[in-house]
Amino acid sequence: MSSDITPPAIPARAEVLVVGAGPGGSAAAAHAAAAGHDVVLLDAATFPRDKTCGDGLTPRAVAELDDLGLGAFLDDRPRITGLDLHGWGAEQRVPWPSGRFPGYGSAVSRTEFDDALRAHAVTRGARMVQGAKAVDATLTDGRITDVIVDDGHGRRSIAVRDVIVADGVRSGLGKALGRQWHRDTAYGVAARAYVPSRRADDNWMGSHLELRGPDGDLLPGYGWVFPLGDVAPGPLPVSGGLLNVGVGALATAKRPAHMALRPILEHYARMVGDEWGIDGPPRLVTSALLPMGGAVTGVAGPNWMLIGDAAACVNPLNGEGIDYALETGRLAVELLDDTRRSPDHTTRWRDLLVEHYGLAFSAARRLAGLLTVPQAVPALGRPGIRSARLMSLVVRVMGNLITPDDADLVARAWRTAGRVSTRVDDRPPFR
């Protein structure tokens, strides 16, 4: 896709080292390089590579792509109008709410999406190092002086000024730096697959809020169907008109998710097969565990920050994280460039995450925790799916489309719920 297929040698130093070339890391690298920083973008994988994800892009993610200069990338992708919600014998088609974000979303496989983003970072001036994993760091008074990298041929060190950690949900480097994931609030388990379909160019994302397993038992989660359009042979090892079909379930430490995701996913694909014109069995089935709602501590140090999935910036109600990843990548670079007040990121980055996401994450993960109670799902879902107004609110919250600038009744009520929730949190987001 670009001239950097053969990874360069591991450099001896970098002003800004970005660890992880998913959406958050690549966005951070692109913004930092465009701002004039010497940037190295490091990833353990060799691209293109697959990643477990629903592949959906919300209007907020589309806005971040526009800001990155990648808006045209979506020109030949499905233009998603909104969500087609199902459950308890009812259906609601809810367009994406209008407002400060574009009125449409999209969907692109992560194999293709991530490769395009990291190639864009390279065109902006970032140096890409593939097939090399950040395994540890040398710290002095909490400040990273060197990141230890293993490229399969031995360990080497990269001297750094600043580090942006974007190495995903497990965040190996984050863990080495002291990041802890707390599972007392809601977390997610999810599985996805690709299926051939005659409706791959549909303008609606399908979502089933009443998720049942093969035995008919009601599960605390939902199913999704996201149209990817006509995928040409290339990075994704399947082609043609494809859908991303998946299932996700919520859990907490008190109510862990003990379920085999693959048979649930296969059952769900059969259930929606006729409606979505599915022509074959699920392929490339993968699964993941998702920290959500800022349920981590240790997100920053004097010269390092965790972003995206590594910082548990994932919506607790649906597992969506791409828009948060893109956004936190941009915010981290803005903080790098604002060193006049203090060069220490430790509290400033945590406070910035709290300011942007704390209230919404607290309220959403409390609601998500409630949904892990089996009786709560039908009690809320059965009347809720029959209300167009309520489902519009659900889409707005699930799409991360309420901003601090919104002053309407729904936005004020959601922020109030967040403030109340935060006050009674045993551990508020990011703390």
Protein backbone atom coordinates (compact mmCIF):
# COMPACT_ATOMS: atom_id res chain seq x y z
CA MET A 1 0.00 0.00 0.00
CA SER A 2 2.97 2.28 0.57
CA SER A 3 6.74 2.27 0.20
CA ASP A 4 7.35 1.23 3.82
CA ILE A 5 6.53 -2.48 3.41
CA THR A 6 10.06 -3.43 4.57
CA PRO A 7 10.32 -2.10 8.11
CA PRO A 8 13.22 0.25 8.80
CA ALA A 9 15.82 -0.58 11.39
CA ILE A 10 14.82 0.18 14.95
CA PRO A 11 16.01 3.74 15.58
CA ALA A 12 18.19 4.64 18.53
CA ARG A 13 15.87 7.46 19.63
CA ALA A 14 12.64 9.30 18.93
CA GLU A 15 11.13 12.53 20.18
CA VAL A 16 7.70 10.87 20.26
CA LEU A 17 7.38 7.09 20.30
CA VAL A 18 3.87 5.81 19.59
CA VAL A 19 3.43 2.18 20.63
CA GLY A 20 0.66 0.49 18.67
CA ALA A 21 -0.53 1.27 15.13
CA GLY A 22 -4.25 0.77 15.57
CA PRO A 23 -6.60 3.72 14.97
CA GLY A 24 -5.52 5.59 18.11
CA GLY A 25 -1.79 5.14 17.67
CA SER A 26 -1.81 5.91 13.95
CA ALA A 27 -3.98 8.99 14.51
CA ALA A 28 -1.60 10.18 17.24
CA ALA A 29 1.42 9.55 15.00
CA ALA A 30 -0.17 11.42 12.10
CA HIS A 31 -1.11 14.42 14.24
CA ALA A 32 2.30 14.50 15.96
CA ALA A 33 4.24 14.25 12.70
CA ALA A 34 2.09 16.97 11.13
CA ALA A 35 2.88 19.18 14.15
CA GLY A 36 6.61 18.83 13.45
CA HIS A 37 7.62 16.17 15.97
CA ASP A 38 10.09 13.41 15.16
CA VAL A 39 7.76 10.40 15.43
CA VAL A 40 8.34 6.66 15.45
CA LEU A 41 5.23 4.46 15.12
CA LEU A 42 5.91 0.97 16.47
CA ASP A 43 3.77 -2.16 16.24
CA ALA A 44 4.34 -5.83 17.05
CA ALA A 45 2.44 -6.92 13.93
CA THR A 46 3.33 -6.69 10.26
CA PHE A 47 0.61 -4.92 8.29
CA PRO A 48 -1.94 -5.57 6.95
CA ARG A 49 -3.22 -7.59 9.89
CA ASP A 50 -6.66 -8.53 11.20
CA LYS A 51 -8.13 -7.22 14.46
CA THR A 52 -11.25 -8.33 16.32
CA CYS A 53 -13.77 -5.51 15.92
CA GLY A 54 -17.25 -4.69 14.71
CA ASP A 55 -15.65 -2.46 12.04
CA GLY A 56 -18.35 0.20 12.50
CA LEU A 57 -17.59 3.91 12.27
CA THR A 58 -19.91 6.31 14.07
CA PRO A 59 -20.47 9.88 12.88
CA ARG A 60 -18.01 10.96 15.58
CA ALA A 61 -15.37 8.68 14.05
CA VAL A 62 -16.15 10.10 10.59
CA ALA A 63 -15.56 13.61 11.97
CA GLU A 64 -12.16 12.57 13.33
CA LEU A 65 -11.20 11.08 9.96
CA ASP A 66 -12.12 14.38 8.32
CA ASP A 67 -9.88 16.18 10.82
CA LEU A 68 -7.05 13.78 9.96
CA GLY A 69 -7.44 14.55 6.26
CA LEU A 70 -8.86 11.10 5.49
CA GLY A 71 -12.48 11.98 4.81
CA ALA A 72 -12.19 10.92 1.16
CA PHE A 73 -11.19 7.43 2.30
CA LEU A 74 -14.87 6.71 2.96
CA ASP A 75 -16.15 7.92 -0.43
CA ASP A 76 -16.58 4.40 -1.82
CA ARG A 77 -17.61 2.79 1.48
CA PRO A 78 -21.15 2.19 2.73
CA ARG A 79 -22.80 5.40 3.90
CA ILE A 80 -24.62 4.30 7.05
CA THR A 81 -27.75 6.32 7.81
CA GLY A 82 -28.46 4.92 11.25
CA LEU A 83 -29.39 1.82 13.25
CA ASP A 84 -32.12 -0.70 12.53
CA LEU A 85 -32.96 -1.89 16.06
CA HIS A 86 -34.80 -5.15 16.81
CA GLY A 87 -36.07 -6.87 19.92
CA TRP A 88 -39.10 -8.41 21.59
CA GLY A 89 -41.10 -8.51 18.38
CA ALA A 90 -40.58 -4.83 17.56
CA GLU A 91 -38.35 -2.78 15.25
CA GLN A 92 -37.22 0.84 15.23
CA ARG A 93 -35.19 2.49 12.47
CA VAL A 94 -33.34 5.37 14.08
CA PRO A 95 -31.28 7.76 11.94
CA TRP A 96 -28.08 9.13 13.40
CA PRO A 97 -29.04 12.30 15.28
CA SER A 98 -28.17 15.55 13.53
CA GLY A 99 -25.85 17.97 15.29
CA ARG A 100 -22.20 18.88 15.28
CA PHE A 101 -21.17 15.56 13.70
CA PRO A 102 -21.86 14.30 10.16
CA GLY A 103 -25.26 12.68 9.70
CA TYR A 104 -23.81 9.36 8.63
CA GLY A 105 -21.40 6.63 9.66
CA SER A 106 -19.66 3.86 7.77
CA ALA A 107 -17.97 0.48 8.16
CA VAL A 108 -14.54 -0.70 7.01
CA SER A 109 -12.72 -3.89 7.98
CA ARG A 110 -9.97 -3.21 10.51
CA THR A 111 -7.52 -5.06 8.26
CA GLU A 112 -7.98 -2.35 5.65
CA PHE A 113 -8.79 0.57 7.96
CA ASP A 114 -5.76 0.22 10.22
CA ASP A 115 -3.40 -0.26 7.28
CA ALA A 116 -4.72 2.91 5.65
CA LEU A 117 -4.36 4.92 8.87
CA ARG A 118 -0.78 3.86 9.59
CA ALA A 119 0.16 4.48 5.93
CA HIS A 120 -1.34 7.97 6.29
CA ALA A 121 0.81 8.56 9.39
CA VAL A 122 3.86 7.61 7.31
CA THR A 123 2.91 10.06 4.57
CA ARG A 124 2.69 12.74 7.27
CA GLY A 125 6.29 11.97 8.28
CA ALA A 126 6.13 9.26 10.94
CA ARG A 127 8.73 6.48 10.77
CA MET A 128 7.04 3.07 10.86
CA VAL A 129 8.62 0.08 12.60
CA GLN A 130 6.67 -3.15 12.11
CA GLY A 131 7.19 -6.55 13.72
CA ALA A 132 8.74 -5.13 16.88
CA LYS A 133 7.07 -5.30 20.29
CA ALA A 134 7.54 -2.84 23.14
CA VAL A 135 8.07 -5.14 26.14
CA ASP A 136 9.37 -2.89 28.90
CA ALA A 137 10.66 0.56 29.75
CA THR A 138 13.47 2.11 31.73
CA LEU A 139 12.15 4.73 34.15
CA THR A 140 13.78 7.44 36.21
CA ASP A 141 11.43 9.05 38.77
CA GLY A 142 8.49 7.72 36.75
CA ARG A 143 9.77 9.21 33.51
CA ILE A 144 10.52 6.87 30.63
CA THR A 145 14.06 7.29 29.35
CA ASP A 146 14.10 4.23 27.07
CA VAL A 147 11.56 1.77 25.71
CA ILE A 148 12.78 -1.82 25.37
CA VAL A 149 11.80 -3.40 22.05
CA ASP A 150 11.94 -7.02 20.94
CA ASP A 151 11.98 -7.59 17.16
CA GLY A 152 12.42 -11.36 17.33
CA HIS A 153 16.19 -11.06 16.98
CA GLY A 154 16.91 -9.67 20.40
CA ARG A 155 16.08 -6.70 22.58
CA ARG A 156 17.06 -3.14 21.82
CA SER A 157 16.25 0.20 23.42
CA ILE A 158 14.84 3.40 21.98
CA ALA A 159 15.64 6.61 23.85
CA VAL A 160 12.52 8.78 24.03
CA ARG A 161 11.28 12.20 25.00
CA ASP A 162 7.55 11.28 25.11
CA VAL A 163 5.64 8.02 24.71
CA ILE A 164 2.03 7.51 23.62
CA VAL A 165 0.87 4.01 24.53
CA ALA A 166 -1.78 2.66 22.15
CA ASP A 167 -1.14 -1.08 22.34
CA GLY A 168 -4.74 -2.18 22.81
CA VAL A 169 -6.96 -3.81 25.38
CA ARG A 170 -4.23 -5.92 27.00
CA SER A 171 -1.64 -3.11 26.83
CA GLY A 172 1.56 -4.98 27.60
CA LEU A 173 3.59 -1.80 27.87
CA GLY A 174 0.84 -0.14 29.90
CA LYS A 175 0.95 -3.04 32.34
CA ALA A 176 4.72 -2.70 32.63
CA LEU A 177 4.16 0.97 33.48
CA GLY A 178 1.64 0.14 36.22
CA ARG A 179 -1.68 0.24 34.38
CA GLN A 180 -4.34 -1.80 36.19
CA TRP A 181 -7.69 -2.94 34.80
CA HIS A 182 -10.48 -3.13 37.39
CA ARG A 183 -13.32 -5.54 36.57
CA ASP A 184 -15.74 -4.53 39.31
CA THR A 185 -17.56 -2.38 36.74
CA ALA A 186 -18.92 -3.68 33.43
CA TYR A 187 -16.61 -5.16 30.83
CA GLY A 188 -17.34 -6.83 27.54
CA VAL A 189 -16.74 -10.07 25.69
CA ALA A 190 -17.36 -10.10 21.95
CA ALA A 191 -16.95 -12.20 18.83
CA ARG A 192 -17.15 -11.24 15.18
CA ALA A 193 -17.10 -12.92 11.77
CA TYR A 194 -17.47 -12.05 8.09
CA VAL A 195 -20.29 -13.44 5.98
CA PRO A 196 -21.13 -13.03 2.27
CA SER A 197 -24.36 -11.13 1.72
CA ARG A 198 -26.65 -9.68 -0.94
CA ARG A 199 -27.24 -6.67 1.35
CA ALA A 200 -23.61 -5.68 1.81
CA ASP A 201 -24.32 -2.16 0.47
CA ASP A 202 -27.20 -1.47 2.85
CA ASN A 203 -27.42 1.97 4.44
CA TRP A 204 -28.41 0.73 7.88
CA MET A 205 -26.55 -1.06 10.64
CA GLY A 206 -28.54 -3.92 12.14
CA SER A 207 -28.68 -4.32 15.90
CA HIS A 208 -30.60 -6.90 17.93
CA LEU A 209 -31.03 -5.85 21.53
CA GLU A 210 -32.64 -9.18 22.43
CA LEU A 211 -29.72 -11.57 22.16
CA ARG A 212 -30.40 -15.24 22.75
CA GLY A 213 -28.13 -18.25 22.66
CA PRO A 214 -28.74 -21.51 20.78
CA ASP A 215 -30.67 -22.85 23.79
CA GLY A 216 -32.99 -19.84 23.79
CA ASP A 217 -31.57 -18.30 26.96
CA LEU A 218 -31.58 -14.49 27.06
CA LEU A 219 -28.05 -13.06 27.24
CA PRO A 220 -26.89 -9.69 28.64
CA GLY A 221 -25.70 -8.28 25.32
CA TYR A 222 -26.62 -7.59 21.74
CA GLY A 223 -25.96 -8.72 18.19
CA TRP A 224 -24.87 -6.59 15.27
CA VAL A 225 -24.83 -6.67 11.48
CA PHE A 226 -22.64 -4.04 9.80
CA PRO A 227 -22.51 -3.81 5.99
CA LEU A 228 -19.00 -3.48 4.55
CA GLY A 229 -19.92 -3.12 0.88
CA ASP A 230 -18.15 -4.94 -1.91
CA VAL A 231 -14.73 -5.79 -0.50
CA ALA A 232 -12.13 -6.31 -3.22
CA PRO A 233 -9.45 -9.01 -2.94
CA GLY A 234 -6.62 -7.55 -0.90
CA PRO A 235 -5.70 -7.24 2.76
CA LEU A 236 -8.80 -9.07 4.02
CA PRO A 237 -8.51 -12.75 3.07
CA VAL A 238 -12.19 -12.87 2.03
CA SER A 239 -13.78 -10.73 -0.66
CA GLY A 240 -17.07 -9.84 -2.30
CA GLY A 241 -20.15 -8.34 -0.66
CA LEU A 242 -19.53 -8.80 3.06
CA LEU A 243 -21.15 -8.13 6.40
CA ASN A 244 -19.45 -7.97 9.77
CA VAL A 245 -21.70 -10.06 12.03
CA GLY A 246 -21.02 -10.20 15.73
CA VAL A 247 -22.27 -10.66 19.26
CA GLY A 248 -21.23 -8.94 22.45
CA ALA A 249 -22.11 -9.60 26.06
CA LEU A 250 -21.65 -7.64 29.26
CA ALA A 251 -20.13 -8.93 32.48
CA THR A 252 -18.82 -7.80 35.86
CA ALA A 253 -16.61 -9.43 38.47
CA LYS A 254 -19.79 -10.40 40.37
CA ARG A 255 -21.54 -11.65 37.24
CA PRO A 256 -18.82 -12.94 34.89
CA ALA A 257 -19.71 -14.03 31.36
CA HIS A 258 -19.46 -17.81 31.16
CA MET A 259 -20.47 -18.46 27.57
CA ALA A 260 -19.07 -20.01 24.44
CA LEU A 261 -19.16 -17.11 21.96
CA ARG A 262 -18.64 -19.04 18.75
CA PRO A 263 -21.86 -21.11 18.88
CA ILE A 264 -23.77 -17.97 19.92
CA LEU A 265 -22.34 -16.09 16.95
CA GLU A 266 -23.11 -18.93 14.54
CA HIS A 267 -26.66 -19.13 15.90
CA TYR A 268 -27.10 -15.38 15.51
CA ALA A 269 -25.82 -15.46 11.91
CA ARG A 270 -28.40 -18.15 11.09
CA MET A 271 -31.11 -16.14 12.82
CA VAL A 272 -30.51 -13.04 10.67
CA GLY A 273 -29.56 -15.01 7.54
CA ASP A 274 -32.77 -14.59 5.55
CA GLU A 275 -33.30 -10.96 6.55
CA TRP A 276 -29.76 -9.98 5.54
CA GLY A 277 -29.38 -12.19 2.48
CA ILE A 278 -26.46 -14.15 3.95
CA ASP A 279 -25.06 -16.63 1.42
CA GLY A 280 -22.55 -18.62 3.44
CA PRO A 281 -21.24 -19.58 6.87
CA PRO A 282 -19.33 -17.20 9.16
CA ARG A 283 -15.64 -16.90 8.33
CA LEU A 284 -12.63 -15.56 10.22
CA VAL A 285 -14.34 -15.85 13.61
CA THR A 286 -12.37 -14.07 16.33
CA SER A 287 -13.15 -12.90 19.86
CA ALA A 288 -11.91 -10.35 22.37
CA LEU A 289 -12.20 -9.18 25.96
CA LEU A 290 -12.89 -5.47 26.40
CA PRO A 291 -12.12 -3.18 29.34
CA MET A 292 -14.71 -0.40 29.22
CA GLY A 293 -15.64 2.97 30.57
CA GLY A 294 -12.26 4.09 31.85
CA ALA A 295 -12.01 1.13 34.24
CA VAL A 296 -8.24 1.48 34.55
CA THR A 297 -5.80 3.29 36.77
CA GLY A 298 -2.29 4.38 35.84
CA VAL A 299 -3.11 6.04 32.53
CA ALA A 300 -0.20 8.50 32.53
CA GLY A 301 3.22 9.38 33.88
CA PRO A 302 5.55 12.36 33.57
CA ASN A 303 6.21 11.80 29.84
CA TRP A 304 3.79 9.05 28.82
CA MET A 305 0.06 8.62 28.20
CA LEU A 306 -2.27 5.70 27.50
CA ILE A 307 -4.89 6.25 24.82
CA GLY A 308 -7.80 4.38 23.20
CA ASP A 309 -8.39 0.78 24.27
CA ALA A 310 -5.26 0.82 26.45
CA ALA A 311 -6.97 3.49 28.57
CA ALA A 312 -10.30 1.56 28.50
CA CYS A 313 -11.84 4.27 26.33
CA VAL A 314 -14.58 1.95 25.11
CA ASN A 315 -18.33 2.60 25.27
CA PRO A 316 -19.76 0.40 28.06
CA LEU A 317 -23.08 0.00 26.26
CA ASN A 318 -21.89 -1.42 22.96
CA GLY A 319 -18.12 -1.98 23.00
CA GLU A 320 -17.44 0.74 20.41
CA GLY A 321 -13.98 2.24 20.65
CA ILE A 322 -12.77 3.55 17.28
CA ASP A 323 -14.03 7.10 17.72
CA TYR A 324 -12.53 7.28 21.24
CA ALA A 325 -9.23 5.95 19.89
CA LEU A 326 -9.05 8.53 17.10
CA GLU A 327 -10.08 11.31 19.46
CA THR A 328 -7.70 10.44 22.30
CA GLY A 329 -4.87 10.20 19.76
CA ARG A 330 -5.56 13.78 18.76
CA LEU A 331 -6.02 14.99 22.35
CA ALA A 332 -2.75 13.40 23.46
CA VAL A 333 -0.80 15.27 20.78
CA GLU A 334 -2.55 18.52 21.71
CA LEU A 335 -1.37 17.97 25.28
CA LEU A 336 2.18 17.29 24.04
CA ASP A 337 2.13 20.63 22.27
CA ASP A 338 0.87 22.48 25.34
CA THR A 339 3.85 22.27 27.69
CA ARG A 340 3.74 25.86 28.93
CA ARG A 341 1.77 25.06 32.09
CA SER A 342 3.58 21.87 33.00
CA PRO A 343 5.63 19.28 31.12
CA ASP A 344 4.33 16.51 33.42
CA HIS A 345 1.43 14.53 31.93
CA THR A 346 0.63 12.46 35.03
CA THR A 347 -2.42 14.29 36.33
CA ARG A 348 -3.11 16.47 33.31
CA TRP A 349 -3.82 13.53 31.00
CA ARG A 350 -5.95 11.72 33.57
CA ASP A 351 -7.91 14.91 34.26
CA LEU A 352 -8.38 15.50 30.54
CA LEU A 353 -9.82 12.00 30.09
CA VAL A 354 -12.13 12.58 33.06
CA GLU A 355 -13.22 15.92 31.63
CA HIS A 356 -14.07 14.47 28.23
CA TYR A 357 -15.47 11.06 29.17
CA GLY A 358 -15.80 10.69 32.94
CA LEU A 359 -19.48 11.54 33.39
CA ALA A 360 -20.68 9.59 30.37
CA PHE A 361 -18.54 6.56 31.21
CA SER A 362 -19.73 6.46 34.81
CA ALA A 363 -23.42 6.63 33.85
CA ALA A 364 -23.04 4.19 30.95
CA ARG A 365 -21.15 1.53 32.87
CA ARG A 366 -23.67 1.73 35.74
CA LEU A 367 -26.45 1.11 33.22
CA ALA A 368 -24.37 -1.64 31.60
CA GLY A 369 -23.87 -3.27 35.00
CA LEU A 370 -27.63 -3.22 35.50
CA LEU A 371 -28.07 -5.01 32.17
CA THR A 372 -25.96 -7.93 33.44
CA VAL A 373 -28.91 -8.74 35.75
CA PRO A 374 -31.03 -11.17 33.68
CA GLN A 375 -34.39 -9.75 34.78
CA ALA A 376 -33.37 -6.21 33.86
CA VAL A 377 -32.91 -6.87 30.14
CA PRO A 378 -36.54 -7.67 29.25
CA ALA A 379 -37.89 -5.23 31.85
CA LEU A 380 -36.09 -2.34 30.12
CA GLY A 381 -35.93 -3.68 26.57
CA ARG A 382 -39.50 -4.75 25.92
CA PRO A 383 -41.14 -1.33 26.49
CA GLY A 384 -38.05 0.57 25.35
CA ILE A 385 -37.88 -0.84 21.81
CA ARG A 386 -41.45 0.35 21.23
CA SER A 387 -40.58 3.99 21.89
CA ALA A 388 -39.02 5.83 18.95
CA ARG A 389 -38.04 8.72 21.22
CA LEU A 390 -36.30 6.45 23.73
CA MET A 391 -34.50 4.53 20.99
CA SER A 392 -33.27 7.81 19.52
CA LEU A 393 -31.78 8.58 22.94
CA VAL A 394 -30.20 5.11 23.05
CA VAL A 395 -28.59 5.62 19.64
CA ARG A 396 -27.27 9.02 20.67
CA VAL A 397 -25.69 7.58 23.82
CA MET A 398 -24.37 4.42 22.16
CA GLY A 399 -22.93 6.49 19.32
CA ASN A 400 -21.05 8.80 21.72
CA LEU A 401 -22.89 11.74 20.15
CA ILE A 402 -23.55 13.83 23.27
CA THR A 403 -20.91 16.49 23.75
CA PRO A 404 -20.20 18.99 26.56
CA ASP A 405 -21.42 21.75 24.22
CA ASP A 406 -24.89 20.22 23.84
CA ALA A 407 -27.45 22.07 25.96
CA ASP A 408 -30.67 20.23 25.10
CA LEU A 409 -32.74 18.38 27.71
CA VAL A 410 -31.35 14.94 26.84
CA ALA A 411 -27.74 16.11 27.09
CA ARG A 412 -28.35 17.87 30.40
CA ALA A 413 -30.13 14.81 31.80
CA TRP A 414 -27.31 12.49 30.72
CA ARG A 415 -24.68 14.73 32.32
CA THR A 416 -26.74 14.91 35.52
CA ALA A 417 -26.93 11.12 35.59
CA GLY A 418 -23.16 11.04 35.14
CA ARG A 419 -22.56 13.45 38.01
CA VAL A 420 -24.79 11.45 40.36
CA SER A 421 -23.17 8.19 39.28
CA THR A 422 -19.65 9.54 39.72
CA ARG A 423 -20.39 10.65 43.29
CA VAL A 424 -21.34 7.13 44.32
CA ASP A 425 -18.68 5.30 42.28
CA ASP A 426 -16.30 3.21 44.37
CA ARG A 427 -13.76 3.92 41.68
CA PRO A 428 -14.66 6.72 39.21
CA PRO A 429 -13.35 6.41 35.62
CA PHE A 430 -9.55 6.60 35.29
CA ARG A 431 -9.06 6.89 39.07
